[in-house]
Amino acid sequence: MRRKRREYVIQNDDRWISSIESAINAHLVSWGLEDTDNSSASFEIDGKSCTDVRIEQAYKGNFHLYASIDGRDCKFIIGKNKPEYALIQESGVSNLPESMLRDLVAKYLVK
């Protein structure tokens, strides 16, 4: 059983690295070892205020894009069938540039 888990982790290393990195970053801020929480962003798209923009990884591997747009909470699921999925998994949720978050919100949430 132990060998099977190890093989699974090796095959899915990007997913595990991203999950662990996100957890560590969140704890560093909560423990006061980091000054700012970079887990969410805020910006404006087409005159709409986009706040608390963030991506979280769900337990089944999908990514959830969250944002509050003009005060309305929005969510979009980025599944393995979406072109952005591989890029998010490769770079890690914590390392996504704000420009990519902006593009994702414009594409999937701002209507």
C-alpha atoms as a PDB file:
ATOM      1  CA  MET A   1       0.000   0.000   0.000  1.00  0.00           C
ATOM      2  CA  ARG A   2       2.764   2.414   0.900  1.00  0.00           C
ATOM      3  CA  ARG A   3       4.504   1.942  -2.453  1.00  0.00           C
ATOM      4  CA  LYS A   4       1.252   2.695  -4.296  1.00  0.00           C
ATOM      5  CA  ARG A   5       0.881   6.025  -2.485  1.00  0.00           C
ATOM      6  CA  ARG A   6       4.453   6.957  -3.305  1.00  0.00           C
ATOM      7  CA  GLU A   7       3.927   6.143  -6.975  1.00  0.00           C
ATOM      8  CA  TYR A   8       0.737   8.222  -7.000  1.00  0.00           C
ATOM      9  CA  VAL A   9       2.531  11.204  -5.474  1.00  0.00           C
ATOM     10  CA  ILE A  10       5.381  10.924  -7.970  1.00  0.00           C
ATOM     11  CA  GLN A  11       2.930  10.812 -10.883  1.00  0.00           C
ATOM     12  CA  ASN A  12       1.037  13.834  -9.546  1.00  0.00           C
ATOM     13  CA  ASP A  13       3.937  15.865  -8.202  1.00  0.00           C
ATOM     14  CA  ASP A  14       2.793  19.238  -9.602  1.00  0.00           C
ATOM     15  CA  ARG A  15      -0.547  18.941  -7.858  1.00  0.00           C
ATOM     16  CA  TRP A  16       1.065  18.051  -4.531  1.00  0.00           C
ATOM     17  CA  ILE A  17       3.671  20.802  -4.763  1.00  0.00           C
ATOM     18  CA  SER A  18       0.993  23.405  -5.471  1.00  0.00           C
ATOM     19  CA  SER A  19      -1.218  22.226  -2.603  1.00  0.00           C
ATOM     20  CA  ILE A  20       1.610  22.143  -0.075  1.00  0.00           C
ATOM     21  CA  GLU A  21       2.962  25.511  -1.197  1.00  0.00           C
ATOM     22  CA  SER A  22      -0.468  27.149  -0.824  1.00  0.00           C
ATOM     23  CA  ALA A  23      -0.907  25.701   2.662  1.00  0.00           C
ATOM     24  CA  ILE A  24       2.546  26.850   3.782  1.00  0.00           C
ATOM     25  CA  ASN A  25       2.001  30.376   2.434  1.00  0.00           C
ATOM     26  CA  ALA A  26      -1.344  30.682   4.233  1.00  0.00           C
ATOM     27  CA  HIS A  27       0.177  29.528   7.528  1.00  0.00           C
ATOM     28  CA  LEU A  28       3.178  31.855   7.269  1.00  0.00           C
ATOM     29  CA  VAL A  29       0.823  34.834   7.090  1.00  0.00           C
ATOM     30  CA  SER A  30      -1.404  33.572   9.912  1.00  0.00           C
ATOM     31  CA  TRP A  31       1.657  33.002  12.111  1.00  0.00           C
ATOM     32  CA  GLY A  32       2.927  36.515  11.414  1.00  0.00           C
ATOM     33  CA  LEU A  33       6.062  35.339   9.605  1.00  0.00           C
ATOM     34  CA  GLU A  34       4.986  36.987   6.343  1.00  0.00           C
ATOM     35  CA  ASP A  35       3.746  40.562   6.205  1.00  0.00           C
ATOM     36  CA  THR A  36       1.067  40.293   3.555  1.00  0.00           C
ATOM     37  CA  ASP A  37      -1.402  37.762   2.320  1.00  0.00           C
ATOM     38  CA  ASN A  38      -0.916  37.471  -1.423  1.00  0.00           C
ATOM     39  CA  SER A  39      -3.623  34.849  -1.786  1.00  0.00           C
ATOM     40  CA  SER A  40      -6.122  37.278  -3.333  1.00  0.00           C
ATOM     41  CA  ALA A  41      -6.033  40.236  -5.688  1.00  0.00           C
ATOM     42  CA  SER A  42      -8.233  43.215  -6.508  1.00  0.00           C
ATOM     43  CA  PHE A  43      -8.596  45.142  -9.760  1.00  0.00           C
ATOM     44  CA  GLU A  44     -11.138  46.679 -12.127  1.00  0.00           C
ATOM     45  CA  ILE A  45     -12.326  45.245 -15.461  1.00  0.00           C
ATOM     46  CA  ASP A  46     -14.605  47.249 -17.774  1.00  0.00           C
ATOM     47  CA  GLY A  47     -15.657  49.479 -14.894  1.00  0.00           C
ATOM     48  CA  LYS A  48     -16.517  46.534 -12.648  1.00  0.00           C
ATOM     49  CA  SER A  49     -14.817  46.195  -9.278  1.00  0.00           C
ATOM     50  CA  CYS A  50     -13.254  42.741  -8.870  1.00  0.00           C
ATOM     51  CA  THR A  51     -12.143  42.029  -5.305  1.00  0.00           C
ATOM     52  CA  ASP A  52     -11.025  38.977  -3.352  1.00  0.00           C
ATOM     53  CA  VAL A  53      -9.939  37.311  -6.604  1.00  0.00           C
ATOM     54  CA  ARG A  54      -8.307  33.976  -5.877  1.00  0.00           C
ATOM     55  CA  ILE A  55      -7.927  30.404  -7.063  1.00  0.00           C
ATOM     56  CA  GLU A  56      -8.197  27.385  -4.793  1.00  0.00           C
ATOM     57  CA  GLN A  57      -7.619  23.750  -5.606  1.00  0.00           C
ATOM     58  CA  ALA A  58     -10.511  21.421  -4.826  1.00  0.00           C
ATOM     59  CA  TYR A  59     -10.034  17.952  -3.424  1.00  0.00           C
ATOM     60  CA  LYS A  60     -10.740  16.282  -6.794  1.00  0.00           C
ATOM     61  CA  GLY A  61      -8.069  18.330  -8.548  1.00  0.00           C
ATOM     62  CA  ASN A  62     -10.195  21.018 -10.171  1.00  0.00           C
ATOM     63  CA  PHE A  63      -9.397  24.666  -9.551  1.00  0.00           C
ATOM     64  CA  HIS A  64     -12.057  27.075  -8.307  1.00  0.00           C
ATOM     65  CA  LEU A  65     -11.832  30.696  -9.438  1.00  0.00           C
ATOM     66  CA  TYR A  66     -13.510  33.013  -6.927  1.00  0.00           C
ATOM     67  CA  ALA A  67     -14.159  36.743  -7.125  1.00  0.00           C
ATOM     68  CA  SER A  68     -16.492  39.344  -5.751  1.00  0.00           C
ATOM     69  CA  ILE A  69     -17.654  41.431  -8.713  1.00  0.00           C
ATOM     70  CA  ASP A  70     -19.395  44.654  -7.715  1.00  0.00           C
ATOM     71  CA  GLY A  71     -20.199  42.990  -4.392  1.00  0.00           C
ATOM     72  CA  ARG A  72     -21.629  39.787  -5.904  1.00  0.00           C
ATOM     73  CA  ASP A  73     -19.753  36.563  -5.097  1.00  0.00           C
ATOM     74  CA  CYS A  74     -18.895  34.549  -8.211  1.00  0.00           C
ATOM     75  CA  LYS A  75     -17.299  31.159  -8.785  1.00  0.00           C
ATOM     76  CA  PHE A  76     -16.087  29.266 -11.843  1.00  0.00           C
ATOM     77  CA  ILE A  77     -14.698  25.726 -11.885  1.00  0.00           C
ATOM     78  CA  ILE A  78     -11.587  25.265 -14.007  1.00  0.00           C
ATOM     79  CA  GLY A  79     -11.573  21.584 -14.846  1.00  0.00           C
ATOM     80  CA  LYS A  80      -8.980  19.495 -16.610  1.00  0.00           C
ATOM     81  CA  ASN A  81     -10.763  20.182 -19.894  1.00  0.00           C
ATOM     82  CA  LYS A  82      -9.996  23.922 -19.754  1.00  0.00           C
ATOM     83  CA  PRO A  83      -6.844  25.221 -21.470  1.00  0.00           C
ATOM     84  CA  GLU A  84      -5.716  27.123 -18.355  1.00  0.00           C
ATOM     85  CA  TYR A  85      -5.760  24.056 -16.117  1.00  0.00           C
ATOM     86  CA  ALA A  86      -2.284  22.777 -17.050  1.00  0.00           C
ATOM     87  CA  LEU A  87      -0.708  26.216 -16.676  1.00  0.00           C
ATOM     88  CA  ILE A  88      -2.221  26.727 -13.218  1.00  0.00           C
ATOM     89  CA  GLN A  89      -1.107  23.279 -12.121  1.00  0.00           C
ATOM     90  CA  GLU A  90       2.406  23.776 -13.471  1.00  0.00           C
ATOM     91  CA  SER A  91       3.037  27.192 -11.948  1.00  0.00           C
ATOM     92  CA  GLY A  92       1.094  26.642  -8.727  1.00  0.00           C
ATOM     93  CA  VAL A  93      -1.839  28.576  -7.347  1.00  0.00           C
ATOM     94  CA  SER A  94       0.408  30.762  -5.181  1.00  0.00           C
ATOM     95  CA  ASN A  95       2.633  31.775  -8.086  1.00  0.00           C
ATOM     96  CA  LEU A  96       0.030  32.966 -10.581  1.00  0.00           C
ATOM     97  CA  PRO A  97       0.631  36.510 -11.793  1.00  0.00           C
ATOM     98  CA  GLU A  98      -2.136  39.053 -11.311  1.00  0.00           C
ATOM     99  CA  SER A  99      -2.354  39.421 -15.083  1.00  0.00           C
ATOM    100  CA  MET A 100      -3.436  35.788 -15.393  1.00  0.00           C
ATOM    101  CA  LEU A 101      -6.046  36.218 -12.658  1.00  0.00           C
ATOM    102  CA  ARG A 102      -7.316  39.285 -14.489  1.00  0.00           C
ATOM    103  CA  ASP A 103      -7.567  37.345 -17.769  1.00  0.00           C
ATOM    104  CA  LEU A 104      -9.402  34.452 -16.095  1.00  0.00           C
ATOM    105  CA  VAL A 105     -11.905  36.755 -14.404  1.00  0.00           C
ATOM    106  CA  ALA A 106     -12.514  38.631 -17.660  1.00  0.00           C
ATOM    107  CA  LYS A 107     -13.011  35.387 -19.575  1.00  0.00           C
ATOM    108  CA  TYR A 108     -15.128  33.406 -17.120  1.00  0.00           C
ATOM    109  CA  LEU A 109     -16.771  35.738 -14.593  1.00  0.00           C
ATOM    110  CA  VAL A 110     -17.284  39.260 -15.979  1.00  0.00           C
ATOM    111  CA  LYS A 111     -20.385  39.300 -18.138  1.00  0.00           C
END
